[in-house]
Amino acid sequence: MTPRLVTIKQAAAYCSCAVWAIRQAIWSKELRACVIGKRYLIDRGDLDRFIDALLRERA
């Protein structure tokens, strides 16, 4: 079973980008994340929408 929420590190691997790029997107409110305990977790659906938005920007 694939987890619905991923860590920042997993999100960076999924997007093939640096961890700091994911953190920056969260801080600038371009990417939604929830905090559970001390960890930021990102919904895979939000991550896919973020990637789609970036692709539309560049097209």
PDB file of N, CA and C in Angstrom:
ATOM      1  N   MET A   1       0.837  -1.182   0.000  1.00  0.00           N
ATOM      2  CA  MET A   1       0.000   0.000   0.000  1.00  0.00           C
ATOM      3  C   MET A   1       0.880   1.244   0.000  1.00  0.00           C
ATOM      4  N   THR A   2       0.596   2.160  -0.896  1.00  0.00           N
ATOM      5  CA  THR A   2       1.360   3.399  -0.996  1.00  0.00           C
ATOM      6  C   THR A   2       0.796   4.420  -0.010  1.00  0.00           C
ATOM      7  N   PRO A   3       1.659   5.041   0.806  1.00  0.00           N
ATOM      8  CA  PRO A   3       1.150   6.027   1.762  1.00  0.00           C
ATOM      9  C   PRO A   3       0.625   7.272   1.051  1.00  0.00           C
ATOM     10  N   ARG A   4      -0.438   7.851   1.601  1.00  0.00           N
ATOM     11  CA  ARG A   4      -1.022   9.056   1.005  1.00  0.00           C
ATOM     12  C   ARG A   4      -0.165  10.283   1.298  1.00  0.00           C
ATOM     13  N   LEU A   5       0.383  10.354   2.495  1.00  0.00           N
ATOM     14  CA  LEU A   5       1.216  11.486   2.889  1.00  0.00           C
ATOM     15  C   LEU A   5       2.685  11.101   2.796  1.00  0.00           C
ATOM     16  N   VAL A   6       3.482  12.016   2.273  1.00  0.00           N
ATOM     17  CA  VAL A   6       4.919  11.760   2.136  1.00  0.00           C
ATOM     18  C   VAL A   6       5.698  12.855   2.852  1.00  0.00           C
ATOM     19  N   THR A   7       6.915  12.525   3.245  1.00  0.00           N
ATOM     20  CA  THR A   7       7.791  13.499   3.890  1.00  0.00           C
ATOM     21  C   THR A   7       8.389  14.420   2.832  1.00  0.00           C
ATOM     22  N   ILE A   8       9.046  15.464   3.288  1.00  0.00           N
ATOM     23  CA  ILE A   8       9.700  16.388   2.362  1.00  0.00           C
ATOM     24  C   ILE A   8      10.761  15.654   1.548  1.00  0.00           C
ATOM     25  N   LYS A   9      11.505  14.787   2.193  1.00  0.00           N
ATOM     26  CA  LYS A   9      12.551  14.032   1.494  1.00  0.00           C
ATOM     27  C   LYS A   9      11.946  13.125   0.424  1.00  0.00           C
ATOM     28  N   GLN A  10      10.851  12.451   0.742  1.00  0.00           N
ATOM     29  CA  GLN A  10      10.184  11.589  -0.234  1.00  0.00           C
ATOM     30  C   GLN A  10       9.588  12.413  -1.375  1.00  0.00           C
ATOM     31  N   ALA A  11       9.042  13.584  -1.048  1.00  0.00           N
ATOM     32  CA  ALA A  11       8.477  14.463  -2.078  1.00  0.00           C
ATOM     33  C   ALA A  11       9.567  14.935  -3.032  1.00  0.00           C
ATOM     34  N   ALA A  12      10.735  15.255  -2.499  1.00  0.00           N
ATOM     35  CA  ALA A  12      11.848  15.684  -3.342  1.00  0.00           C
ATOM     36  C   ALA A  12      12.283  14.558  -4.274  1.00  0.00           C
ATOM     37  N   ALA A  13      12.334  13.346  -3.765  1.00  0.00           N
ATOM     38  CA  ALA A  13      12.696  12.199  -4.603  1.00  0.00           C
ATOM     39  C   ALA A  13      11.641  11.974  -5.681  1.00  0.00           C
ATOM     40  N   TYR A  14      10.374  12.112  -5.330  1.00  0.00           N
ATOM     41  CA  TYR A  14       9.262  11.932  -6.270  1.00  0.00           C
ATOM     42  C   TYR A  14       9.330  12.965  -7.400  1.00  0.00           C
ATOM     43  N   CYS A  15       9.732  14.196  -7.058  1.00  0.00           N
ATOM     44  CA  CYS A  15       9.817  15.292  -8.045  1.00  0.00           C
ATOM     45  C   CYS A  15      11.183  15.372  -8.717  1.00  0.00           C
ATOM     46  N   SER A  16      12.118  14.575  -8.267  1.00  0.00           N
ATOM     47  CA  SER A  16      13.500  14.642  -8.758  1.00  0.00           C
ATOM     48  C   SER A  16      14.071  16.046  -8.581  1.00  0.00           C
ATOM     49  N   CYS A  17      13.906  16.581  -7.387  1.00  0.00           N
ATOM     50  CA  CYS A  17      14.446  17.910  -7.093  1.00  0.00           C
ATOM     51  C   CYS A  17      15.087  17.884  -5.705  1.00  0.00           C
ATOM     52  N   ALA A  18      15.646  19.004  -5.321  1.00  0.00           N
ATOM     53  CA  ALA A  18      16.316  19.108  -4.031  1.00  0.00           C
ATOM     54  C   ALA A  18      15.300  19.299  -2.906  1.00  0.00           C
ATOM     55  N   VAL A  19      15.668  18.860  -1.720  1.00  0.00           N
ATOM     56  CA  VAL A  19      14.820  19.015  -0.541  1.00  0.00           C
ATOM     57  C   VAL A  19      14.518  20.495  -0.308  1.00  0.00           C
ATOM     58  N   TRP A  20      15.517  21.357  -0.485  1.00  0.00           N
ATOM     59  CA  TRP A  20      15.300  22.788  -0.240  1.00  0.00           C
ATOM     60  C   TRP A  20      14.254  23.358  -1.182  1.00  0.00           C
ATOM     61  N   ALA A  21      14.115  22.820  -2.394  1.00  0.00           N
ATOM     62  CA  ALA A  21      13.108  23.307  -3.345  1.00  0.00           C
ATOM     63  C   ALA A  21      11.701  23.008  -2.826  1.00  0.00           C
ATOM     64  N   ILE A  22      11.521  21.840  -2.222  1.00  0.00           N
ATOM     65  CA  ILE A  22      10.226  21.486  -1.638  1.00  0.00           C
ATOM     66  C   ILE A  22       9.953  22.368  -0.427  1.00  0.00           C
ATOM     67  N   ARG A  23      10.957  22.557   0.424  1.00  0.00           N
ATOM     68  CA  ARG A  23      10.785  23.423   1.596  1.00  0.00           C
ATOM     69  C   ARG A  23      10.411  24.843   1.174  1.00  0.00           C
ATOM     70  N   GLN A  24      11.086  25.358   0.167  1.00  0.00           N
ATOM     71  CA  GLN A  24      10.815  26.714  -0.317  1.00  0.00           C
ATOM     72  C   GLN A  24       9.382  26.819  -0.851  1.00  0.00           C
ATOM     73  N   ALA A  25       8.920  25.798  -1.562  1.00  0.00           N
ATOM     74  CA  ALA A  25       7.551  25.798  -2.083  1.00  0.00           C
ATOM     75  C   ALA A  25       6.535  25.791  -0.935  1.00  0.00           C
ATOM     76  N   ILE A  26       6.846  25.092   0.137  1.00  0.00           N
ATOM     77  CA  ILE A  26       5.959  25.065   1.307  1.00  0.00           C
ATOM     78  C   ILE A  26       5.951  26.435   1.979  1.00  0.00           C
ATOM     79  N   TRP A  27       7.142  27.000   2.201  1.00  0.00           N
ATOM     80  CA  TRP A  27       7.246  28.294   2.879  1.00  0.00           C
ATOM     81  C   TRP A  27       6.569  29.405   2.083  1.00  0.00           C
ATOM     82  N   SER A  28       6.625  29.328   0.747  1.00  0.00           N
ATOM     83  CA  SER A  28       6.012  30.360  -0.095  1.00  0.00           C
ATOM     84  C   SER A  28       4.532  30.072  -0.368  1.00  0.00           C
ATOM     85  N   LYS A  29       4.006  29.015   0.254  1.00  0.00           N
ATOM     86  CA  LYS A  29       2.597  28.614   0.132  1.00  0.00           C
ATOM     87  C   LYS A  29       2.212  28.145  -1.273  1.00  0.00           C
ATOM     88  N   GLU A  30       3.186  27.750  -2.069  1.00  0.00           N
ATOM     89  CA  GLU A  30       2.903  27.173  -3.386  1.00  0.00           C
ATOM     90  C   GLU A  30       2.506  25.705  -3.256  1.00  0.00           C
ATOM     91  N   LEU A  31       2.937  25.073  -2.174  1.00  0.00           N
ATOM     92  CA  LEU A  31       2.672  23.655  -1.928  1.00  0.00           C
ATOM     93  C   LEU A  31       2.138  23.509  -0.509  1.00  0.00           C
ATOM     94  N   ARG A  32       0.995  22.864  -0.394  1.00  0.00           N
ATOM     95  CA  ARG A  32       0.391  22.659   0.925  1.00  0.00           C
ATOM     96  C   ARG A  32       1.075  21.512   1.650  1.00  0.00           C
ATOM     97  N   ALA A  33       1.206  21.678   2.954  1.00  0.00           N
ATOM     98  CA  ALA A  33       1.771  20.619   3.800  1.00  0.00           C
ATOM     99  C   ALA A  33       1.119  20.708   5.169  1.00  0.00           C
ATOM    100  N   CYS A  34       1.018  19.586   5.834  1.00  0.00           N
ATOM    101  CA  CYS A  34       0.508  19.592   7.204  1.00  0.00           C
ATOM    102  C   CYS A  34       1.656  19.187   8.122  1.00  0.00           C
ATOM    103  N   VAL A  35       1.574  19.656   9.346  1.00  0.00           N
ATOM    104  CA  VAL A  35       2.600  19.327  10.332  1.00  0.00           C
ATOM    105  C   VAL A  35       1.999  18.324  11.308  1.00  0.00           C
ATOM    106  N   ILE A  36       2.635  17.181  11.402  1.00  0.00           N
ATOM    107  CA  ILE A  36       2.238  16.165  12.373  1.00  0.00           C
ATOM    108  C   ILE A  36       3.468  15.893  13.225  1.00  0.00           C
ATOM    109  N   GLY A  37       3.364  16.253  14.491  1.00  0.00           N
ATOM    110  CA  GLY A  37       4.541  16.180  15.352  1.00  0.00           C
ATOM    111  C   GLY A  37       5.535  17.237  14.901  1.00  0.00           C
ATOM    112  N   LYS A  38       6.722  16.808  14.545  1.00  0.00           N
ATOM    113  CA  LYS A  38       7.752  17.722  14.057  1.00  0.00           C
ATOM    114  C   LYS A  38       7.974  17.585  12.560  1.00  0.00           C
ATOM    115  N   ARG A  39       7.126  16.775  11.902  1.00  0.00           N
ATOM    116  CA  ARG A  39       7.350  16.478  10.482  1.00  0.00           C
ATOM    117  C   ARG A  39       6.335  17.178   9.593  1.00  0.00           C
ATOM    118  N   TYR A  40       6.830  17.721   8.490  1.00  0.00           N
ATOM    119  CA  TYR A  40       5.949  18.238   7.450  1.00  0.00           C
ATOM    120  C   TYR A  40       5.585  17.065   6.551  1.00  0.00           C
ATOM    121  N   LEU A  41       4.290  16.895   6.295  1.00  0.00           N
ATOM    122  CA  LEU A  41       3.824  15.827   5.420  1.00  0.00           C
ATOM    123  C   LEU A  41       2.997  16.436   4.297  1.00  0.00           C
ATOM    124  N   ILE A  42       3.170  15.889   3.104  1.00  0.00           N
ATOM    125  CA  ILE A  42       2.552  16.428   1.904  1.00  0.00           C
ATOM    126  C   ILE A  42       1.681  15.350   1.281  1.00  0.00           C
ATOM    127  N   ASP A  43       0.462  15.726   0.936  1.00  0.00           N
ATOM    128  CA  ASP A  43      -0.459  14.816   0.267  1.00  0.00           C
ATOM    129  C   ASP A  43       0.019  14.611  -1.173  1.00  0.00           C
ATOM    130  N   ARG A  44       0.011  13.376  -1.639  1.00  0.00           N
ATOM    131  CA  ARG A  44       0.459  13.085  -3.010  1.00  0.00           C
ATOM    132  C   ARG A  44      -0.361  13.839  -4.053  1.00  0.00           C
ATOM    133  N   GLY A  45      -1.647  14.026  -3.803  1.00  0.00           N
ATOM    134  CA  GLY A  45      -2.496  14.773  -4.728  1.00  0.00           C
ATOM    135  C   GLY A  45      -2.048  16.220  -4.845  1.00  0.00           C
ATOM    136  N   ASP A  46      -1.711  16.842  -3.704  1.00  0.00           N
ATOM    137  CA  ASP A  46      -1.208  18.217  -3.723  1.00  0.00           C
ATOM    138  C   ASP A  46       0.125  18.288  -4.457  1.00  0.00           C
ATOM    139  N   LEU A  47       0.935  17.279  -4.282  1.00  0.00           N
ATOM    140  CA  LEU A  47       2.229  17.234  -4.952  1.00  0.00           C
ATOM    141  C   LEU A  47       2.048  17.125  -6.468  1.00  0.00           C
ATOM    142  N   ASP A  48       1.115  16.288  -6.903  1.00  0.00           N
ATOM    143  CA  ASP A  48       0.839  16.164  -8.337  1.00  0.00           C
ATOM    144  C   ASP A  48       0.298  17.468  -8.913  1.00  0.00           C
ATOM    145  N   ARG A  49      -0.593  18.151  -8.173  1.00  0.00           N
ATOM    146  CA  ARG A  49      -1.125  19.438  -8.641  1.00  0.00           C
ATOM    147  C   ARG A  49      -0.022  20.483  -8.721  1.00  0.00           C
ATOM    148  N   PHE A  50       0.905  20.470  -7.767  1.00  0.00           N
ATOM    149  CA  PHE A  50       2.035  21.397  -7.768  1.00  0.00           C
ATOM    150  C   PHE A  50       2.899  21.178  -9.010  1.00  0.00           C
ATOM    151  N   ILE A  51       3.187  19.929  -9.320  1.00  0.00           N
ATOM    152  CA  ILE A  51       3.990  19.602 -10.504  1.00  0.00           C
ATOM    153  C   ILE A  51       3.256  20.031 -11.770  1.00  0.00           C
ATOM    154  N   ASP A  52       1.955  19.749 -11.855  1.00  0.00           N
ATOM    155  CA  ASP A  52       1.163  20.145 -13.026  1.00  0.00           C
ATOM    156  C   ASP A  52       1.175  21.659 -13.216  1.00  0.00           C
ATOM    157  N   ALA A  53       1.067  22.413 -12.119  1.00  0.00           N
ATOM    158  CA  ALA A  53       1.095  23.874 -12.197  1.00  0.00           C
ATOM    159  C   ALA A  53       2.444  24.360 -12.715  1.00  0.00           C
ATOM    160  N   LEU A  54       3.517  23.739 -12.273  1.00  0.00           N
ATOM    161  CA  LEU A  54       4.847  24.118 -12.759  1.00  0.00           C
ATOM    162  C   LEU A  54       4.984  23.833 -14.249  1.00  0.00           C
ATOM    163  N   LEU A  55       4.444  22.710 -14.689  1.00  0.00           N
ATOM    164  CA  LEU A  55       4.517  22.356 -16.107  1.00  0.00           C
ATOM    165  C   LEU A  55       3.691  23.319 -16.956  1.00  0.00           C
ATOM    166  N   ARG A  56       2.525  23.741 -16.460  1.00  0.00           N
ATOM    167  CA  ARG A  56       1.696  24.705 -17.194  1.00  0.00           C
ATOM    168  C   ARG A  56       2.383  26.059 -17.284  1.00  0.00           C
ATOM    169  N   GLU A  57       3.080  26.469 -16.199  1.00  0.00           N
ATOM    170  CA  GLU A  57       3.817  27.737 -16.188  1.00  0.00           C
ATOM    171  C   GLU A  57       4.877  27.767 -17.276  1.00  0.00           C
ATOM    172  N   ARG A  58       5.552  26.663 -17.459  1.00  0.00           N
ATOM    173  CA  ARG A  58       6.678  26.603 -18.384  1.00  0.00           C
ATOM    174  C   ARG A  58       6.249  26.363 -19.826  1.00  0.00           C
ATOM    175  N   ALA A  59       4.986  26.005 -20.030  1.00  0.00           N
ATOM    176  CA  ALA A  59       4.504  25.708 -21.392  1.00  0.00           C
ATOM    177  C   ALA A  59       4.160  26.970 -22.151  1.00  0.00           C
TER     178      ALA A  59
END
